[in-house]
All heavy atoms as atom14 arrays in JSON, in Angstrom:
{
  "sequence": "NTCMDSARQAKPRVAINDVPLQAQSSNQEEEISREQTARSVQAALSGL",
  "atom14_mask": [
    [1, 1, 1, 1, 1, 1, 1, 1, 0, 0, 0, 0, 0, 0],
    [1, 1, 1, 1, 1, 1, 1, 0, 0, 0, 0, 0, 0, 0],
    [1, 1, 1, 1, 1, 1, 0, 0, 0, 0, 0, 0, 0, 0],
    [1, 1, 1, 1, 1, 1, 1, 1, 0, 0, 0, 0, 0, 0],
    [1, 1, 1, 1, 1, 1, 1, 1, 0, 0, 0, 0, 0, 0],
    [1, 1, 1, 1, 1, 1, 0, 0, 0, 0, 0, 0, 0, 0],
    [1, 1, 1, 1, 1, 0, 0, 0, 0, 0, 0, 0, 0, 0],
    [1, 1, 1, 1, 1, 1, 1, 1, 1, 1, 1, 0, 0, 0],
    [1, 1, 1, 1, 1, 1, 1, 1, 1, 0, 0, 0, 0, 0],
    [1, 1, 1, 1, 1, 0, 0, 0, 0, 0, 0, 0, 0, 0],
    [1, 1, 1, 1, 1, 1, 1, 1, 1, 0, 0, 0, 0, 0],
    [1, 1, 1, 1, 1, 1, 1, 0, 0, 0, 0, 0, 0, 0],
    [1, 1, 1, 1, 1, 1, 1, 1, 1, 1, 1, 0, 0, 0],
    [1, 1, 1, 1, 1, 1, 1, 0, 0, 0, 0, 0, 0, 0],
    [1, 1, 1, 1, 1, 0, 0, 0, 0, 0, 0, 0, 0, 0],
    [1, 1, 1, 1, 1, 1, 1, 1, 0, 0, 0, 0, 0, 0],
    [1, 1, 1, 1, 1, 1, 1, 1, 0, 0, 0, 0, 0, 0],
    [1, 1, 1, 1, 1, 1, 1, 1, 0, 0, 0, 0, 0, 0],
    [1, 1, 1, 1, 1, 1, 1, 0, 0, 0, 0, 0, 0, 0],
    [1, 1, 1, 1, 1, 1, 1, 0, 0, 0, 0, 0, 0, 0],
    [1, 1, 1, 1, 1, 1, 1, 1, 0, 0, 0, 0, 0, 0],
    [1, 1, 1, 1, 1, 1, 1, 1, 1, 0, 0, 0, 0, 0],
    [1, 1, 1, 1, 1, 0, 0, 0, 0, 0, 0, 0, 0, 0],
    [1, 1, 1, 1, 1, 1, 1, 1, 1, 0, 0, 0, 0, 0],
    [1, 1, 1, 1, 1, 1, 0, 0, 0, 0, 0, 0, 0, 0],
    [1, 1, 1, 1, 1, 1, 0, 0, 0, 0, 0, 0, 0, 0],
    [1, 1, 1, 1, 1, 1, 1, 1, 0, 0, 0, 0, 0, 0],
    [1, 1, 1, 1, 1, 1, 1, 1, 1, 0, 0, 0, 0, 0],
    [1, 1, 1, 1, 1, 1, 1, 1, 1, 0, 0, 0, 0, 0],
    [1, 1, 1, 1, 1, 1, 1, 1, 1, 0, 0, 0, 0, 0],
    [1, 1, 1, 1, 1, 1, 1, 1, 1, 0, 0, 0, 0, 0],
    [1, 1, 1, 1, 1, 1, 1, 1, 0, 0, 0, 0, 0, 0],
    [1, 1, 1, 1, 1, 1, 0, 0, 0, 0, 0, 0, 0, 0],
    [1, 1, 1, 1, 1, 1, 1, 1, 1, 1, 1, 0, 0, 0],
    [1, 1, 1, 1, 1, 1, 1, 1, 1, 0, 0, 0, 0, 0],
    [1, 1, 1, 1, 1, 1, 1, 1, 1, 0, 0, 0, 0, 0],
    [1, 1, 1, 1, 1, 1, 1, 0, 0, 0, 0, 0, 0, 0],
    [1, 1, 1, 1, 1, 0, 0, 0, 0, 0, 0, 0, 0, 0],
    [1, 1, 1, 1, 1, 1, 1, 1, 1, 1, 1, 0, 0, 0],
    [1, 1, 1, 1, 1, 1, 0, 0, 0, 0, 0, 0, 0, 0],
    [1, 1, 1, 1, 1, 1, 1, 0, 0, 0, 0, 0, 0, 0],
    [1, 1, 1, 1, 1, 1, 1, 1, 1, 0, 0, 0, 0, 0],
    [1, 1, 1, 1, 1, 0, 0, 0, 0, 0, 0, 0, 0, 0],
    [1, 1, 1, 1, 1, 0, 0, 0, 0, 0, 0, 0, 0, 0],
    [1, 1, 1, 1, 1, 1, 1, 1, 0, 0, 0, 0, 0, 0],
    [1, 1, 1, 1, 1, 1, 0, 0, 0, 0, 0, 0, 0, 0],
    [1, 1, 1, 1, 0, 0, 0, 0, 0, 0, 0, 0, 0, 0],
    [1, 1, 1, 1, 1, 1, 1, 1, 0, 0, 0, 0, 0, 0]
  ],
  "atom14_positions": [
    [[190.92, 97.56, 154.3], [192.33, 97.32, 153.96], [192.56, 97.38, 152.45], [193.55, 97.96, 151.99], [192.8, 95.97, 154.5], [192.97, 95.96, 155.99], [193.05, 97.01, 156.62], [193.01, 94.78, 156.56], [0.0, 0.0, 0.0], [0.0, 0.0, 0.0], [0.0, 0.0, 0.0], [0.0, 0.0, 0.0], [0.0, 0.0, 0.0], [0.0, 0.0, 0.0]],
    [[191.68, 96.78, 151.69], [191.84, 96.76, 150.24], [191.7, 98.16, 149.64], [192.48, 98.54, 148.76], [190.84, 95.77, 149.6], [190.99, 94.49, 150.21], [191.08, 95.63, 148.11], [0.0, 0.0, 0.0], [0.0, 0.0, 0.0], [0.0, 0.0, 0.0], [0.0, 0.0, 0.0], [0.0, 0.0, 0.0], [0.0, 0.0, 0.0], [0.0, 0.0, 0.0]],
    [[190.74, 98.93, 150.13], [190.6, 100.32, 149.65], [191.85, 101.13, 149.98], [192.37, 101.86, 149.12], [189.37, 100.98, 150.28], [187.79, 100.47, 149.58], [0.0, 0.0, 0.0], [0.0, 0.0, 0.0], [0.0, 0.0, 0.0], [0.0, 0.0, 0.0], [0.0, 0.0, 0.0], [0.0, 0.0, 0.0], [0.0, 0.0, 0.0], [0.0, 0.0, 0.0]],
    [[192.33, 100.99, 151.21], [193.52, 101.76, 151.61], [194.74, 101.33, 150.8], [195.52, 102.18, 150.34], [193.78, 101.57, 153.11], [192.68, 102.13, 154.0], [192.5, 103.91, 153.9], [193.88, 104.41, 154.88], [0.0, 0.0, 0.0], [0.0, 0.0, 0.0], [0.0, 0.0, 0.0], [0.0, 0.0, 0.0], [0.0, 0.0, 0.0], [0.0, 0.0, 0.0]],
    [[194.93, 100.03, 150.61], [196.06, 99.54, 149.82], [195.98, 100.04, 148.39], [196.98, 100.49, 147.82], [196.12, 98.01, 149.83], [196.49, 97.43, 151.17], [196.97, 98.18, 152.05], [196.28, 96.21, 151.37], [0.0, 0.0, 0.0], [0.0, 0.0, 0.0], [0.0, 0.0, 0.0], [0.0, 0.0, 0.0], [0.0, 0.0, 0.0], [0.0, 0.0, 0.0]],
    [[194.8, 99.97, 147.8], [194.63, 100.42, 146.41], [194.86, 101.92, 146.28], [195.44, 102.38, 145.3], [193.23, 100.07, 145.9], [193.08, 98.68, 145.81], [0.0, 0.0, 0.0], [0.0, 0.0, 0.0], [0.0, 0.0, 0.0], [0.0, 0.0, 0.0], [0.0, 0.0, 0.0], [0.0, 0.0, 0.0], [0.0, 0.0, 0.0], [0.0, 0.0, 0.0]],
    [[194.41, 102.68, 147.27], [194.61, 104.14, 147.23], [196.1, 104.48, 147.32], [196.55, 105.41, 146.65], [193.86, 104.8, 148.37], [0.0, 0.0, 0.0], [0.0, 0.0, 0.0], [0.0, 0.0, 0.0], [0.0, 0.0, 0.0], [0.0, 0.0, 0.0], [0.0, 0.0, 0.0], [0.0, 0.0, 0.0], [0.0, 0.0, 0.0], [0.0, 0.0, 0.0]],
    [[196.83, 103.74, 148.12], [198.28, 104.0, 148.23], [199.01, 103.68, 146.93], [199.96, 104.34, 146.57], [198.88, 103.17, 149.37], [198.7, 103.78, 150.73], [199.53, 103.06, 151.78], [199.03, 101.73, 152.08], [198.14, 101.45, 153.02], [197.64, 102.42, 153.75], [197.74, 100.22, 153.23], [0.0, 0.0, 0.0], [0.0, 0.0, 0.0], [0.0, 0.0, 0.0]],
    [[198.55, 102.65, 146.24], [199.23, 102.2, 145.02], [198.79, 102.96, 143.77], [199.52, 102.99, 142.79], [198.98, 100.7, 144.81], [199.58, 99.84, 145.88], [199.1, 98.4, 145.82], [198.28, 98.05, 144.98], [199.61, 97.58, 146.72], [0.0, 0.0, 0.0], [0.0, 0.0, 0.0], [0.0, 0.0, 0.0], [0.0, 0.0, 0.0], [0.0, 0.0, 0.0]],
    [[197.62, 103.56, 143.82], [197.05, 104.2, 142.63], [197.62, 105.58, 142.42], [198.06, 106.26, 143.34], [195.53, 104.29, 142.76], [0.0, 0.0, 0.0], [0.0, 0.0, 0.0], [0.0, 0.0, 0.0], [0.0, 0.0, 0.0], [0.0, 0.0, 0.0], [0.0, 0.0, 0.0], [0.0, 0.0, 0.0], [0.0, 0.0, 0.0], [0.0, 0.0, 0.0]],
    [[197.58, 105.99, 141.17], [197.9, 107.37, 140.84], [196.76, 108.24, 141.34], [195.63, 107.77, 141.48], [198.0, 107.53, 139.32], [199.07, 106.71, 138.67], [198.99, 106.93, 137.18], [199.59, 105.74, 136.44], [199.36, 105.8, 135.02], [0.0, 0.0, 0.0], [0.0, 0.0, 0.0], [0.0, 0.0, 0.0], [0.0, 0.0, 0.0], [0.0, 0.0, 0.0]],
    [[197.03, 109.52, 141.59], [195.92, 110.4, 142.0], [194.82, 110.41, 140.94], [195.09, 110.43, 139.74], [196.58, 111.78, 142.09], [198.04, 111.51, 142.23], [198.3, 110.2, 141.54], [0.0, 0.0, 0.0], [0.0, 0.0, 0.0], [0.0, 0.0, 0.0], [0.0, 0.0, 0.0], [0.0, 0.0, 0.0], [0.0, 0.0, 0.0], [0.0, 0.0, 0.0]],
    [[193.61, 110.33, 141.39], [192.47, 110.28, 140.47], [191.95, 111.7, 140.24], [192.01, 112.55, 141.1], [191.37, 109.41, 141.05], [191.88, 108.0, 141.26], [190.74, 107.04, 141.5], [191.25, 105.72, 141.76], [191.56, 104.85, 140.81], [191.41, 105.16, 139.55], [192.01, 103.66, 141.11], [0.0, 0.0, 0.0], [0.0, 0.0, 0.0], [0.0, 0.0, 0.0]],
    [[191.39, 111.9, 139.08], [190.84, 113.2, 138.71], [189.51, 113.38, 139.44], [188.68, 112.48, 139.47], [190.62, 113.27, 137.19], [189.98, 114.58, 136.78], [191.94, 113.07, 136.46], [0.0, 0.0, 0.0], [0.0, 0.0, 0.0], [0.0, 0.0, 0.0], [0.0, 0.0, 0.0], [0.0, 0.0, 0.0], [0.0, 0.0, 0.0], [0.0, 0.0, 0.0]],
    [[189.34, 114.54, 140.04], [188.08, 114.84, 140.74], [186.97, 115.04, 139.74], [187.2, 115.41, 138.59], [188.25, 116.09, 141.6], [0.0, 0.0, 0.0], [0.0, 0.0, 0.0], [0.0, 0.0, 0.0], [0.0, 0.0, 0.0], [0.0, 0.0, 0.0], [0.0, 0.0, 0.0], [0.0, 0.0, 0.0], [0.0, 0.0, 0.0], [0.0, 0.0, 0.0]],
    [[185.77, 114.84, 140.18], [184.6, 115.06, 139.32], [184.49, 116.55, 139.02], [184.53, 117.37, 139.91], [183.32, 114.57, 140.0], [183.39, 113.06, 140.16], [182.09, 114.99, 139.23], [182.2, 112.5, 140.91], [0.0, 0.0, 0.0], [0.0, 0.0, 0.0], [0.0, 0.0, 0.0], [0.0, 0.0, 0.0], [0.0, 0.0, 0.0], [0.0, 0.0, 0.0]],
    [[184.36, 116.87, 137.76], [184.21, 118.27, 137.35], [182.73, 118.59, 137.21], [181.96, 117.78, 136.72], [184.88, 118.52, 136.0], [186.38, 118.38, 136.1], [186.96, 118.7, 137.12], [187.0, 117.88, 135.03], [0.0, 0.0, 0.0], [0.0, 0.0, 0.0], [0.0, 0.0, 0.0], [0.0, 0.0, 0.0], [0.0, 0.0, 0.0], [0.0, 0.0, 0.0]],
    [[182.36, 119.76, 137.67], [180.99, 120.19, 137.48], [180.83, 120.66, 136.04], [181.47, 121.62, 135.61], [180.66, 121.35, 138.42], [180.49, 120.87, 139.83], [181.51, 120.56, 140.47], [179.34, 120.78, 140.26], [0.0, 0.0, 0.0], [0.0, 0.0, 0.0], [0.0, 0.0, 0.0], [0.0, 0.0, 0.0], [0.0, 0.0, 0.0], [0.0, 0.0, 0.0]],
    [[180.01, 119.94, 135.29], [179.79, 120.27, 133.9], [178.6, 121.21, 133.82], [177.52, 120.88, 134.33], [179.49, 118.98, 133.08], [179.21, 119.31, 131.63], [180.64, 118.01, 133.22], [0.0, 0.0, 0.0], [0.0, 0.0, 0.0], [0.0, 0.0, 0.0], [0.0, 0.0, 0.0], [0.0, 0.0, 0.0], [0.0, 0.0, 0.0], [0.0, 0.0, 0.0]],
    [[178.78, 122.39, 133.21], [177.64, 123.3, 133.11], [176.54, 122.68, 132.24], [176.81, 122.14, 131.19], [178.22, 124.56, 132.47], [179.56, 124.21, 131.98], [179.97, 122.92, 132.61], [0.0, 0.0, 0.0], [0.0, 0.0, 0.0], [0.0, 0.0, 0.0], [0.0, 0.0, 0.0], [0.0, 0.0, 0.0], [0.0, 0.0, 0.0], [0.0, 0.0, 0.0]],
    [[175.33, 122.76, 132.71], [174.21, 122.19, 131.98], [173.21, 123.3, 131.67], [173.04, 124.23, 132.44], [173.53, 121.1, 132.82], [174.45, 119.95, 133.25], [173.73, 119.08, 134.27], [174.84, 119.12, 132.04], [0.0, 0.0, 0.0], [0.0, 0.0, 0.0], [0.0, 0.0, 0.0], [0.0, 0.0, 0.0], [0.0, 0.0, 0.0], [0.0, 0.0, 0.0]],
    [[172.52, 123.19, 130.56], [171.51, 124.17, 130.17], [170.16, 123.76, 130.73], [169.75, 122.62, 130.6], [171.41, 124.25, 128.63], [172.68, 124.72, 127.95], [173.0, 126.17, 128.29], [172.11, 126.93, 128.65], [174.25, 126.53, 128.19], [0.0, 0.0, 0.0], [0.0, 0.0, 0.0], [0.0, 0.0, 0.0], [0.0, 0.0, 0.0], [0.0, 0.0, 0.0]],
    [[169.48, 124.68, 131.37], [168.17, 124.4, 131.94], [167.09, 124.99, 131.05], [167.26, 126.07, 130.51], [168.06, 125.0, 133.33], [0.0, 0.0, 0.0], [0.0, 0.0, 0.0], [0.0, 0.0, 0.0], [0.0, 0.0, 0.0], [0.0, 0.0, 0.0], [0.0, 0.0, 0.0], [0.0, 0.0, 0.0], [0.0, 0.0, 0.0], [0.0, 0.0, 0.0]],
    [[165.99, 124.26, 130.91], [164.9, 124.76, 130.1], [163.66, 125.07, 130.93], [162.77, 125.75, 130.46], [164.55, 123.75, 129.01], [165.69, 123.56, 128.02], [165.35, 122.5, 126.98], [164.32, 121.85, 127.05], [166.22, 122.35, 126.01], [0.0, 0.0, 0.0], [0.0, 0.0, 0.0], [0.0, 0.0, 0.0], [0.0, 0.0, 0.0], [0.0, 0.0, 0.0]],
    [[163.58, 124.52, 132.14], [162.4, 124.8, 132.96], [162.81, 124.81, 134.43], [163.91, 124.44, 134.79], [161.33, 123.74, 132.72], [161.72, 122.52, 133.31], [0.0, 0.0, 0.0], [0.0, 0.0, 0.0], [0.0, 0.0, 0.0], [0.0, 0.0, 0.0], [0.0, 0.0, 0.0], [0.0, 0.0, 0.0], [0.0, 0.0, 0.0], [0.0, 0.0, 0.0]],
    [[161.88, 125.22, 135.27], [162.13, 125.28, 136.7], [162.43, 123.89, 137.26], [163.34, 123.74, 138.07], [160.91, 125.87, 137.4], [161.07, 125.82, 138.79], [0.0, 0.0, 0.0], [0.0, 0.0, 0.0], [0.0, 0.0, 0.0], [0.0, 0.0, 0.0], [0.0, 0.0, 0.0], [0.0, 0.0, 0.0], [0.0, 0.0, 0.0], [0.0, 0.0, 0.0]],
    [[161.68, 122.87, 136.84], [161.93, 121.5, 137.31], [163.31, 121.02, 136.88], [164.0, 120.36, 137.64], [160.85, 120.54, 136.8], [159.54, 120.72, 137.54], [159.5, 121.27, 138.64], [158.46, 120.25, 136.93], [0.0, 0.0, 0.0], [0.0, 0.0, 0.0], [0.0, 0.0, 0.0], [0.0, 0.0, 0.0], [0.0, 0.0, 0.0], [0.0, 0.0, 0.0]],
    [[163.67, 121.32, 135.66], [164.99, 120.92, 135.18], [166.09, 121.66, 135.95], [167.12, 121.08, 136.26], [165.14, 121.19, 133.68], [164.41, 120.18, 132.83], [164.57, 120.47, 131.36], [164.7, 121.63, 130.95], [164.57, 119.42, 130.55], [0.0, 0.0, 0.0], [0.0, 0.0, 0.0], [0.0, 0.0, 0.0], [0.0, 0.0, 0.0], [0.0, 0.0, 0.0]],
    [[165.84, 122.94, 136.26], [166.82, 123.69, 137.03], [167.01, 123.09, 138.41], [168.13, 122.98, 138.9], [166.38, 125.15, 137.16], [166.53, 125.94, 135.89], [165.98, 127.36, 136.01], [165.62, 127.78, 137.13], [165.91, 128.04, 134.98], [0.0, 0.0, 0.0], [0.0, 0.0, 0.0], [0.0, 0.0, 0.0], [0.0, 0.0, 0.0], [0.0, 0.0, 0.0]],
    [[165.9, 122.68, 139.04], [165.99, 122.06, 140.36], [166.74, 120.73, 140.28], [167.57, 120.43, 141.14], [164.58, 121.83, 140.94], [163.9, 123.11, 141.34], [162.45, 122.89, 141.77], [162.06, 121.73, 142.02], [161.72, 123.89, 141.85], [0.0, 0.0, 0.0], [0.0, 0.0, 0.0], [0.0, 0.0, 0.0], [0.0, 0.0, 0.0], [0.0, 0.0, 0.0]],
    [[166.45, 119.94, 139.26], [167.14, 118.65, 139.08], [168.63, 118.87, 138.83], [169.47, 118.18, 139.4], [166.5, 117.87, 137.92], [167.12, 116.51, 137.69], [166.95, 115.57, 138.86], [165.99, 115.69, 139.62], [167.82, 114.68, 139.01], [0.0, 0.0, 0.0], [0.0, 0.0, 0.0], [0.0, 0.0, 0.0], [0.0, 0.0, 0.0], [0.0, 0.0, 0.0]],
    [[168.96, 119.84, 138.0], [170.36, 120.15, 137.72], [171.06, 120.62, 138.99], [172.18, 120.2, 139.28], [170.47, 121.19, 136.59], [170.04, 120.55, 135.25], [171.88, 121.75, 136.49], [169.82, 121.55, 134.14], [0.0, 0.0, 0.0], [0.0, 0.0, 0.0], [0.0, 0.0, 0.0], [0.0, 0.0, 0.0], [0.0, 0.0, 0.0], [0.0, 0.0, 0.0]],
    [[170.37, 121.45, 139.75], [170.94, 121.92, 141.01], [171.2, 120.76, 141.97], [172.25, 120.69, 142.6], [169.99, 122.93, 141.66], [170.49, 123.33, 142.92], [0.0, 0.0, 0.0], [0.0, 0.0, 0.0], [0.0, 0.0, 0.0], [0.0, 0.0, 0.0], [0.0, 0.0, 0.0], [0.0, 0.0, 0.0], [0.0, 0.0, 0.0], [0.0, 0.0, 0.0]],
    [[170.24, 119.82, 142.07], [170.43, 118.64, 142.93], [171.61, 117.8, 142.46], [172.4, 117.32, 143.26], [169.16, 117.79, 142.97], [168.13, 118.28, 143.96], [167.04, 117.25, 144.17], [166.27, 116.96, 142.97], [165.2, 117.65, 142.56], [164.77, 118.67, 143.28], [164.57, 117.33, 141.46], [0.0, 0.0, 0.0], [0.0, 0.0, 0.0], [0.0, 0.0, 0.0]],
    [[171.72, 117.61, 141.15], [172.82, 116.81, 140.6], [174.17, 117.48, 140.86], [175.14, 116.82, 141.22], [172.62, 116.59, 139.1], [171.51, 115.62, 138.78], [171.21, 115.53, 137.28], [171.97, 116.1, 136.47], [170.22, 114.88, 136.94], [0.0, 0.0, 0.0], [0.0, 0.0, 0.0], [0.0, 0.0, 0.0], [0.0, 0.0, 0.0], [0.0, 0.0, 0.0]],
    [[174.22, 118.8, 140.69], [175.47, 119.51, 140.94], [175.83, 119.47, 142.42], [176.99, 119.32, 142.78], [175.37, 120.95, 140.44], [175.38, 121.04, 138.92], [175.17, 122.46, 138.41], [174.57, 123.29, 139.07], [175.68, 122.71, 137.21], [0.0, 0.0, 0.0], [0.0, 0.0, 0.0], [0.0, 0.0, 0.0], [0.0, 0.0, 0.0], [0.0, 0.0, 0.0]],
    [[174.82, 119.58, 143.29], [175.07, 119.48, 144.73], [175.58, 118.09, 145.07], [176.55, 117.95, 145.83], [173.79, 119.8, 145.53], [173.39, 121.13, 145.23], [174.02, 119.64, 147.02], [0.0, 0.0, 0.0], [0.0, 0.0, 0.0], [0.0, 0.0, 0.0], [0.0, 0.0, 0.0], [0.0, 0.0, 0.0], [0.0, 0.0, 0.0], [0.0, 0.0, 0.0]],
    [[174.95, 117.06, 144.51], [175.4, 115.68, 144.77], [176.84, 115.48, 144.3], [177.64, 114.85, 145.0], [174.46, 114.68, 144.09], [0.0, 0.0, 0.0], [0.0, 0.0, 0.0], [0.0, 0.0, 0.0], [0.0, 0.0, 0.0], [0.0, 0.0, 0.0], [0.0, 0.0, 0.0], [0.0, 0.0, 0.0], [0.0, 0.0, 0.0], [0.0, 0.0, 0.0]],
    [[177.18, 116.02, 143.14], [178.56, 115.89, 142.64], [179.53, 116.63, 143.56], [180.63, 116.15, 143.82], [178.66, 116.42, 141.2], [178.12, 115.47, 140.18], [178.53, 115.86, 138.77], [178.11, 117.19, 138.4], [177.11, 117.48, 137.59], [176.4, 116.52, 137.06], [176.81, 118.72, 137.3], [0.0, 0.0, 0.0], [0.0, 0.0, 0.0], [0.0, 0.0, 0.0]],
    [[179.11, 117.78, 144.05], [179.96, 118.55, 144.96], [180.18, 117.8, 146.27], [181.3, 117.76, 146.8], [179.35, 119.92, 145.25], [179.29, 120.69, 144.08], [0.0, 0.0, 0.0], [0.0, 0.0, 0.0], [0.0, 0.0, 0.0], [0.0, 0.0, 0.0], [0.0, 0.0, 0.0], [0.0, 0.0, 0.0], [0.0, 0.0, 0.0], [0.0, 0.0, 0.0]],
    [[179.11, 117.2, 146.8], [179.24, 116.43, 148.04], [180.15, 115.22, 147.81], [181.03, 114.93, 148.62], [177.85, 115.99, 148.57], [177.98, 114.98, 149.69], [177.06, 117.21, 149.03], [0.0, 0.0, 0.0], [0.0, 0.0, 0.0], [0.0, 0.0, 0.0], [0.0, 0.0, 0.0], [0.0, 0.0, 0.0], [0.0, 0.0, 0.0], [0.0, 0.0, 0.0]],
    [[179.93, 114.54, 146.69], [180.77, 113.38, 146.38], [182.24, 113.79, 146.22], [183.13, 113.11, 146.72], [180.28, 112.69, 145.11], [181.04, 111.4, 144.82], [180.52, 110.7, 143.58], [179.94, 111.32, 142.7], [180.76, 109.41, 143.51], [0.0, 0.0, 0.0], [0.0, 0.0, 0.0], [0.0, 0.0, 0.0], [0.0, 0.0, 0.0], [0.0, 0.0, 0.0]],
    [[182.47, 114.9, 145.55], [183.84, 115.38, 145.37], [184.46, 115.76, 146.71], [185.63, 115.46, 146.97], [183.87, 116.56, 144.41], [0.0, 0.0, 0.0], [0.0, 0.0, 0.0], [0.0, 0.0, 0.0], [0.0, 0.0, 0.0], [0.0, 0.0, 0.0], [0.0, 0.0, 0.0], [0.0, 0.0, 0.0], [0.0, 0.0, 0.0], [0.0, 0.0, 0.0]],
    [[183.69, 116.41, 147.58], [184.2, 116.79, 148.9], [184.51, 115.55, 149.72], [185.55, 115.47, 150.39], [183.2, 117.67, 149.64], [0.0, 0.0, 0.0], [0.0, 0.0, 0.0], [0.0, 0.0, 0.0], [0.0, 0.0, 0.0], [0.0, 0.0, 0.0], [0.0, 0.0, 0.0], [0.0, 0.0, 0.0], [0.0, 0.0, 0.0], [0.0, 0.0, 0.0]],
    [[183.64, 114.58, 149.68], [183.87, 113.33, 150.39], [185.1, 112.62, 149.85], [185.94, 112.14, 150.61], [182.63, 112.43, 150.28], [182.65, 111.12, 151.03], [182.87, 111.33, 152.52], [181.34, 110.37, 150.81], [0.0, 0.0, 0.0], [0.0, 0.0, 0.0], [0.0, 0.0, 0.0], [0.0, 0.0, 0.0], [0.0, 0.0, 0.0], [0.0, 0.0, 0.0]],
    [[185.23, 112.58, 148.56], [186.39, 111.93, 147.94], [187.68, 112.69, 148.22], [188.76, 112.11, 148.18], [186.19, 111.8, 146.43], [185.11, 110.94, 146.18], [0.0, 0.0, 0.0], [0.0, 0.0, 0.0], [0.0, 0.0, 0.0], [0.0, 0.0, 0.0], [0.0, 0.0, 0.0], [0.0, 0.0, 0.0], [0.0, 0.0, 0.0], [0.0, 0.0, 0.0]],
    [[187.56, 113.98, 148.49], [188.74, 114.79, 148.8], [189.27, 114.6, 150.21], [190.37, 115.04, 150.52], [0.0, 0.0, 0.0], [0.0, 0.0, 0.0], [0.0, 0.0, 0.0], [0.0, 0.0, 0.0], [0.0, 0.0, 0.0], [0.0, 0.0, 0.0], [0.0, 0.0, 0.0], [0.0, 0.0, 0.0], [0.0, 0.0, 0.0], [0.0, 0.0, 0.0]],
    [[188.47, 113.94, 151.06], [188.95, 113.68, 152.41], [190.1, 112.67, 152.38], [190.09, 111.76, 151.55], [187.82, 113.09, 153.28], [186.67, 113.99, 153.67], [185.62, 113.18, 154.43], [187.14, 115.15, 154.51], [0.0, 0.0, 0.0], [0.0, 0.0, 0.0], [0.0, 0.0, 0.0], [0.0, 0.0, 0.0], [0.0, 0.0, 0.0], [0.0, 0.0, 0.0]]
  ]
}
């Protein structure tokens, strides 16, 4: 109830933007890819 009430009263919130990141190695690229995927999933969930 509190989440729904707050959402109705709040201004639209800005979605998370995917910030381009520079990769220096394969491990960093994988980590960046995971972070970007997590942000995309969170943004999609928040968009429901």
